[in-house]
Protein backbone atom coordinates (compact mmCIF):
# COMPACT_ATOMS: atom_id res chain seq x y z
CA MET A 1 13.77 75.76 33.73
CA LEU A 2 15.89 77.52 30.79
CA LEU A 3 13.61 80.57 30.91
CA GLN A 4 13.90 81.26 34.50
CA LEU A 5 17.68 80.65 34.27
CA HIS A 6 17.84 83.46 31.73
CA ARG A 7 15.95 85.62 33.59
CA THR A 8 17.95 85.46 36.86
CA ILE A 9 21.11 86.03 34.93
CA THR A 10 19.57 88.76 33.15
CA SER A 11 18.56 90.11 36.40
CA LEU A 12 21.93 90.28 38.02
CA LEU A 13 23.75 91.39 34.99
CA THR A 14 21.28 94.53 35.25
CA ARG A 15 21.91 94.96 38.86
CA PHE A 16 25.76 95.01 37.99
CA HIS A 17 24.83 97.55 35.13
CA TYR A 18 23.51 99.94 37.67
CA HIS A 19 26.46 99.77 40.00
CA HIS A 20 29.17 100.25 37.39
CA HIS A 21 27.18 102.82 35.00
CA LYS A 22 30.55 104.35 33.40
CA HIS A 23 30.14 100.90 31.40
CA LEU A 24 26.81 101.43 29.47
CA ARG A 25 27.76 99.17 26.75
CA THR A 26 28.99 96.35 28.30
CA VAL A 27 25.71 94.83 29.84
CA PRO A 28 23.64 94.94 27.09
CA ASN A 29 26.51 93.08 24.82
CA ILE A 30 26.68 90.63 27.27
CA SER A 31 22.98 90.55 27.68
CA ARG A 32 22.60 90.12 23.75
CA GLN A 33 24.85 87.01 23.91
CA ILE A 34 22.89 85.24 26.73
CA SER A 35 19.65 85.86 24.69
CA LEU A 36 21.02 84.75 21.72
CA ARG A 37 22.59 81.33 23.16
CA PHE A 38 19.00 80.62 25.18
CA SER A 39 17.28 81.56 21.63
CA SER A 40 19.24 78.90 20.19
CA LEU A 41 18.58 76.44 22.93
CA ARG A 42 14.82 76.94 22.96
CA SER A 43 15.07 76.50 18.92
CA MET A 44 16.67 72.65 19.69
CA ASN A 45 13.77 71.69 22.01
CA ASN A 46 10.90 73.23 19.60
CA SER A 47 9.23 71.03 17.55
CA ASN A 48 8.47 73.42 15.08
CA PRO A 49 11.19 75.91 15.01
CA LYS A 50 11.11 79.25 13.71
CA PRO A 51 13.79 80.77 11.60
CA SER A 52 16.12 82.68 14.00
CA THR A 53 17.45 86.05 12.68
CA HIS A 54 20.26 85.73 14.92
CA ASN A 55 24.03 85.18 13.86
CA SER A 56 24.64 81.40 14.27
CA SER A 57 28.41 82.22 14.79
CA ILE A 58 27.66 83.53 18.23
CA SER A 59 27.15 81.24 21.23
CA TYR A 60 27.42 81.58 24.92
CA ASP A 61 29.05 79.20 27.38
CA PRO A 62 27.44 79.72 30.44
CA ASP A 63 31.04 78.93 32.35
CA VAL A 64 32.85 81.35 30.17
CA ILE A 65 32.79 84.99 30.03
CA ASP A 66 34.28 87.07 27.46
CA GLU A 67 36.71 89.30 29.54
CA SER A 68 36.93 91.77 26.66
CA LEU A 69 33.18 92.80 27.30
CA LEU A 70 33.96 93.21 31.07
CA PRO A 71 34.52 96.78 32.86
CA THR A 72 38.32 97.00 33.21
CA GLN A 73 38.00 97.15 37.08
CA PHE A 74 35.61 94.23 37.06
CA GLY A 75 36.36 92.11 40.21
CA LYS A 76 38.81 94.70 41.47
CA LYS A 77 38.80 97.32 44.28
CA ARG A 78 38.84 100.55 42.32
CA LYS A 79 41.78 102.87 43.21
CA HIS A 80 41.71 106.82 42.59
CA SER A 81 44.36 108.45 41.04
CA TYR A 82 46.20 111.03 42.87
CA GLY A 83 44.27 113.63 40.87
CA GLU A 84 40.93 111.88 41.26
CA ARG A 85 41.57 112.11 45.12
CA LEU A 86 42.13 115.69 45.26
CA GLN A 87 38.91 116.32 43.39
CA LEU A 88 36.76 113.88 45.87
CA GLY A 89 38.44 116.07 48.50
CA GLN A 90 36.58 118.73 50.34
CA SER A 91 38.06 122.28 49.25
CA ASN A 92 37.60 123.93 52.70
CA SER A 93 38.90 121.29 54.54
CA LYS A 94 39.88 122.07 58.04
CA HIS A 95 43.06 120.92 59.50
CA VAL A 96 45.26 121.91 62.47
CA ALA A 97 48.08 123.96 60.98
CA GLY A 98 51.27 122.20 61.53
CA THR A 99 49.65 118.70 61.65
CA ASN A 100 51.92 116.28 60.13
CA PHE A 101 49.85 114.56 57.14
CA ALA A 102 50.61 110.92 56.38
CA ASP A 103 48.19 110.98 53.42
CA CYS A 104 49.29 113.48 50.81
CA SER A 105 46.47 112.77 48.56
CA GLU A 106 44.25 114.83 50.87
CA VAL A 107 43.45 118.33 49.74
CA LEU A 108 45.67 120.83 51.21
CA PRO A 109 43.82 123.60 52.90
CA GLU A 110 43.88 127.09 51.70
CA VAL A 111 45.25 129.27 54.49
CA LYS A 112 43.57 132.58 55.11
CA PRO A 113 46.16 135.41 55.03
CA PHE A 114 46.64 137.17 58.20
CA ASP A 115 47.23 140.71 57.89
CA MET A 116 49.45 142.19 60.86
CA CYS A 117 48.13 145.41 59.99
CA LEU A 118 44.97 147.17 59.77
CA SER A 119 42.77 147.48 56.62
CA GLY A 120 44.04 150.59 54.80
CA SER A 121 47.24 150.77 55.90
CA ARG A 122 50.19 152.41 54.32
CA SER A 123 52.38 150.03 54.72
CA SER A 124 51.15 147.84 52.01
CA ALA A 125 53.67 149.96 49.58
CA THR A 126 56.43 148.03 48.36
CA LEU A 127 59.46 149.04 49.59
CA THR A 128 61.41 151.76 48.11
CA GLY A 129 64.74 151.51 46.02
CA CYS A 130 66.92 153.31 48.57
CA LEU A 131 65.96 151.08 51.52
CA ASN A 132 69.28 149.09 51.00
CA GLU A 133 71.07 152.21 51.74
CA LYS A 134 69.13 152.95 54.98
CA TRP A 135 69.98 149.17 55.97
CA ASN A 136 73.69 150.04 55.55
CA GLU A 137 73.61 152.59 57.90
CA MET A 138 72.14 150.27 60.68
CA GLY A 139 73.87 148.87 63.56
CA HIS A 140 74.64 151.79 65.74
CA ILE A 141 74.43 151.91 69.61
CA VAL A 142 71.98 155.01 70.54
CA GLU A 143 74.46 157.17 73.20
CA GLY A 144 72.54 157.05 76.41
CA THR A 145 70.83 154.03 76.19
CA GLU A 146 71.31 151.11 78.45
CA GLN A 147 73.44 148.18 76.91
CA ARG A 148 73.81 145.21 79.23
CA VAL A 149 75.26 141.94 79.00
CA LEU A 150 72.92 140.23 81.24
CA ARG A 151 75.06 137.02 81.71
CA PRO A 152 77.86 135.45 79.58
CA GLY A 153 76.78 134.86 75.96
CA MET A 154 73.58 137.09 76.41
CA VAL A 155 73.53 140.75 75.26
CA LEU A 156 70.58 143.10 75.38
CA LEU A 157 70.97 146.40 72.93
CA LYS A 158 68.29 148.49 74.14
CA ARG A 159 66.44 150.71 71.43
CA TYR A 160 69.19 149.69 68.80
CA ILE A 161 66.73 149.75 65.75
CA THR A 162 65.84 153.34 64.82
CA LEU A 163 62.07 154.15 64.44
CA SER A 164 62.14 154.60 60.75
CA GLU A 165 64.15 150.97 60.74
CA GLN A 166 61.47 149.66 62.67
CA VAL A 167 58.76 150.93 60.29
CA GLU A 168 60.24 149.23 57.43
CA ILE A 169 60.72 146.11 59.18
CA VAL A 170 56.95 146.12 59.53
CA LYS A 171 56.28 146.87 56.24
CA LYS A 172 58.51 143.79 54.72
CA CYS A 173 57.17 141.47 57.16
CA ARG A 174 53.56 142.64 56.22
CA VAL A 175 54.33 142.17 52.20
CA LEU A 176 55.77 138.60 53.42
CA GLY A 177 53.03 137.72 55.32
CA LEU A 178 50.50 137.90 53.13
CA GLY A 179 52.06 136.21 50.37
CA GLN A 180 52.98 132.69 49.80
CA GLY A 181 54.10 130.88 52.63
CA GLY A 182 53.21 133.69 54.96
CA PHE A 183 51.68 134.05 58.49
CA TYR A 184 49.45 131.21 59.84
CA GLN A 185 48.55 130.13 63.40
CA PRO A 186 50.40 126.88 64.13
CA GLY A 187 49.29 124.13 65.96
CA TYR A 188 49.24 120.30 66.99
CA GLN A 189 47.18 117.23 66.36
CA ASP A 190 45.54 117.52 69.55
CA GLY A 191 43.84 120.70 68.44
CA ALA A 192 45.97 123.05 70.76
CA LYS A 193 46.95 126.16 68.92
CA LEU A 194 50.21 128.55 69.93
CA ARG A 195 49.00 132.21 70.96
CA LEU A 196 50.68 133.66 68.16
CA GLN A 197 50.77 134.10 64.29
CA MET A 198 53.93 132.62 62.72
CA MET A 199 55.96 133.23 59.40
CA CYS A 200 59.10 131.32 58.84
CA LEU A 201 61.70 132.38 56.14
CA GLY A 202 64.51 130.60 54.86
CA LEU A 203 63.45 127.27 56.08
CA ASN A 204 60.03 126.10 57.59
CA TRP A 205 60.06 124.91 61.13
CA ASP A 206 57.18 122.44 62.08
CA PRO A 207 56.16 122.80 66.11
CA GLU A 208 54.72 119.62 65.72
CA THR A 209 57.69 117.69 64.94
CA ARG A 210 60.25 120.36 65.90
CA LYS A 211 62.06 119.84 62.70
CA TYR A 212 63.16 122.33 59.71
CA LYS A 213 61.66 121.29 56.32
CA GLU A 214 61.73 123.05 53.01
CA GLN A 215 57.92 122.95 52.41
CA ARG A 216 55.02 123.45 55.12
CA VAL A 217 53.40 120.13 55.77
CA PHE A 218 50.07 121.52 55.84
CA ASP A 219 49.92 123.52 52.56
CA GLY A 220 53.12 122.83 50.50
CA SER A 221 54.34 126.15 50.97
CA LYS A 222 58.01 126.94 50.90
CA ALA A 223 59.45 129.39 53.19
CA PRO A 224 60.41 132.83 51.71
CA ALA A 225 63.86 134.02 51.55
CA ILE A 226 65.38 136.15 54.45
CA PRO A 227 65.75 139.62 53.09
CA HIS A 228 69.36 140.66 52.91
CA GLU A 229 68.77 143.82 54.78
CA PHE A 230 67.56 141.42 57.67
CA SER A 231 70.97 139.67 57.57
CA LEU A 232 72.95 142.76 57.43
CA LEU A 233 71.25 144.09 60.56
CA VAL A 234 71.83 141.04 62.56
CA LYS A 235 75.55 141.12 61.61
CA LYS A 236 76.01 144.45 63.00
CA ALA A 237 74.16 143.90 65.60
CA ILE A 238 76.74 140.89 66.86
CA GLN A 239 79.67 143.20 66.02
CA ASP A 240 78.30 145.68 68.30
CA ALA A 241 77.46 142.72 70.89
CA HIS A 242 81.13 142.15 70.85
CA ALA A 243 82.35 145.34 71.19
CA LEU A 244 79.98 145.63 74.50
CA ILE A 245 81.38 141.84 75.53
CA LYS A 246 85.26 142.84 75.17
CA LYS A 247 84.63 146.00 77.16
CA GLU A 248 82.78 144.44 79.95
CA TYR A 249 84.96 141.08 80.26
CA LYS A 250 88.69 142.80 79.05
CA VAL A 251 89.09 139.70 76.74
CA SER A 252 90.88 139.49 73.51
CA ASN A 253 88.50 136.82 71.60
CA VAL A 254 85.02 137.82 72.35
CA GLU A 255 83.87 134.96 70.02
CA ASP A 256 84.70 132.66 72.61
CA ILE A 257 81.81 134.15 74.64
CA LEU A 258 79.55 134.75 72.16
CA PRO A 259 80.25 132.88 68.48
CA PRO A 260 79.61 134.97 65.02
CA MET A 261 76.92 133.70 62.96
CA SER A 262 75.23 133.82 59.34
CA PRO A 263 71.38 133.89 59.59
CA ASN A 264 69.67 131.36 57.06
CA ILE A 265 66.48 130.83 59.53
CA CYS A 266 64.14 133.31 60.61
CA ILE A 267 61.10 132.80 62.83
CA VAL A 268 58.59 135.92 62.52
CA ASN A 269 56.11 135.59 65.40
CA PHE A 270 53.30 138.12 65.62
CA TYR A 271 51.52 138.43 69.30
CA THR A 272 48.48 140.01 70.13
CA THR A 273 48.14 141.87 73.32
CA HIS A 274 46.83 138.51 74.86
CA GLY A 275 49.85 136.21 73.12
CA ARG A 276 52.24 134.41 74.88
CA LEU A 277 54.88 131.65 74.87
CA GLY A 278 55.76 129.19 76.98
CA HIS A 279 58.94 128.30 78.85
CA HIS A 280 61.23 126.38 76.25
CA GLN A 281 64.60 126.06 74.46
CA ASP A 282 65.57 126.57 71.11
CA ARG A 283 67.29 123.39 70.14
CA ASP A 284 65.85 122.34 66.92
CA GLU A 285 69.09 123.55 65.02
CA SER A 286 71.74 121.27 63.65
CA ARG A 287 73.87 119.18 65.84
CA GLU A 288 76.77 121.86 65.00
CA SER A 289 75.18 124.88 65.18
CA LEU A 290 73.97 123.75 68.81
CA LEU A 291 77.62 122.26 69.97
CA LYS A 292 79.31 125.72 68.54
CA GLY A 293 76.57 127.80 70.67
CA LEU A 294 76.00 129.72 67.55
CA PRO A 295 73.37 132.35 69.03
CA VAL A 296 69.99 133.34 68.33
CA VAL A 297 69.37 137.20 67.42
CA SER A 298 65.97 138.42 68.51
CA LEU A 299 64.24 141.74 67.17
CA SER A 300 61.46 143.32 68.80
CA VAL A 301 58.90 145.96 67.27
CA GLY A 302 55.80 147.23 68.63
CA ASP A 303 54.11 146.59 72.19
CA SER A 304 56.75 145.51 74.98
CA ALA A 305 56.91 142.16 76.08
CA GLU A 306 57.73 140.64 79.69
CA PHE A 307 60.79 138.14 78.69
CA LEU A 308 61.78 135.31 81.01
CA TYR A 309 64.70 133.48 81.09
CA GLY A 310 67.04 130.88 83.10
CA ASP A 311 68.86 127.80 83.33
CA GLN A 312 66.19 125.96 84.79
CA ARG A 313 62.70 124.69 83.43
CA ASN A 314 60.64 126.33 86.31
CA VAL A 315 59.48 129.39 85.10
CA ASP A 316 59.32 130.70 88.99
CA LYS A 317 63.10 130.54 89.18
CA ALA A 318 63.27 132.62 85.89
CA GLU A 319 64.79 135.99 85.49
CA LYS A 320 62.66 138.97 83.58
CA VAL A 321 63.57 141.66 81.34
CA LEU A 322 61.51 144.09 79.43
CA LEU A 323 61.95 144.17 75.65
CA GLU A 324 60.88 147.20 74.09
CA SER A 325 60.29 148.31 70.73
CA GLY A 326 63.24 148.55 68.61
CA ASP A 327 65.39 146.53 71.46
CA VAL A 328 67.77 143.68 70.01
CA LEU A 329 68.43 140.34 72.54
CA ILE A 330 71.36 137.91 71.61
CA PHE A 331 72.11 134.92 73.06
CA GLY A 332 74.59 132.48 72.48
CA GLY A 333 77.53 130.77 74.07
CA LYS A 334 77.14 129.06 77.32
CA SER A 335 73.82 130.96 77.26
CA ARG A 336 72.50 129.25 73.79
CA HIS A 337 70.38 126.63 75.62
CA ILE A 338 68.56 129.02 78.08
CA PHE A 339 64.66 128.24 79.11
CA HIS A 340 62.87 131.77 77.81
CA SER A 341 59.36 132.69 77.21
CA VAL A 342 57.04 135.50 76.74
CA ALA A 343 54.98 135.68 79.81
CA SER A 344 52.96 139.03 78.51
CA ILE A 345 52.44 141.73 76.05
CA ILE A 346 52.03 145.37 77.33
CA PRO A 347 49.04 146.95 75.86
CA LYS A 348 49.50 150.60 74.43
CA SER A 349 53.40 150.39 75.05
CA ALA A 350 54.10 150.48 71.47
CA PRO A 351 55.65 154.10 69.64
CA ARG A 352 52.79 156.08 68.78
CA ALA A 353 54.64 156.74 65.60
CA LEU A 354 54.93 153.48 64.72
CA TYR A 355 51.08 153.04 64.89
CA GLU A 356 50.85 155.95 62.90
CA GLU A 357 53.23 155.17 59.73
CA THR A 358 52.43 151.61 59.52
CA SER A 359 48.78 150.86 61.04
CA LEU A 360 50.12 148.05 62.84
CA ARG A 361 47.53 146.17 64.81
CA PRO A 362 48.17 146.14 68.63
CA GLY A 363 50.51 143.50 69.35
CA ARG A 364 54.27 142.77 69.20
CA VAL A 365 56.35 141.49 65.98
CA ASN A 366 59.33 139.31 66.97
CA LEU A 367 62.15 138.12 64.50
CA THR A 368 64.43 135.72 65.90
CA PHE A 369 67.50 134.82 63.30
CA ARG A 370 69.99 131.62 63.91
CA GLN A 371 72.00 129.78 61.94
CA PHE A 372 70.94 126.00 61.00
């Protein structure tokens, strides 16, 4: 009977050893204690006991197990450390961009960089040192172009950005877009994706939560800084819009109609010729920014876009304006909360020289600046 009990316990411990292979030395030691104890018991019941070669000081109580010989996680559910969980994850994990992950222990997926220019583009070169001088000269209204106040607080500056300046914008956006925190296709938890490539500057905007954050949720990337040259262009465009409003409305304080703004956020969207953007309002900035009506400044480069806008969500009641390469659209003040959308992109409508200088893919680059 004792021999059978010995074999049963030894068998159980062997199976335990199989499942906890990291603790290879533990089971033999426990098994040795059991063997010694049963050997001692057999010797006591044997009329002609044989001398034992084992140490007589070692004994075994079947109801007490020396815990020092057990694995450290014995009887406990093993919890992986953060580093181990990362190793256990799949490196090619496929998640919808913009998903809000509750468990940060999952492997953050690698985002394949989107190149807004075709391979072999000359725009891959870094910006030249004389760029700042070029940008400081920007912000003039070209004679003979149509500049319009579309409605109170909403101004369209046609062909405001010169061709050479558009080339530099494409080059800079391409460099930033291929780097950390660059272009990606945003989407939602249900699998739906926006029909564009997006990059945030200054702060990251999450389309799922509609909030601005320091880091992108799905890969932890921080948003690149807004190039100083971009900020100068925005401020100069607002100044020229003020001059146009003053002329149009004969008012002394144009800032009551279109408040000034210092951009610290920029969302760069690249639309292919099939790209779209649904009717929406830009209402994710701070309460103070929204109450003041601080404007959104939109720059268009590349193919033209049919831009819809209006006071109602119903897109059928929206007005339409064509945004061409080089146009600047500003809406703030009473127009800050307009519904707006991109209905379509017009193929092959960009300046041919822009494609030749940058190898920009067919489509539209749109930069929207705002102050959080």
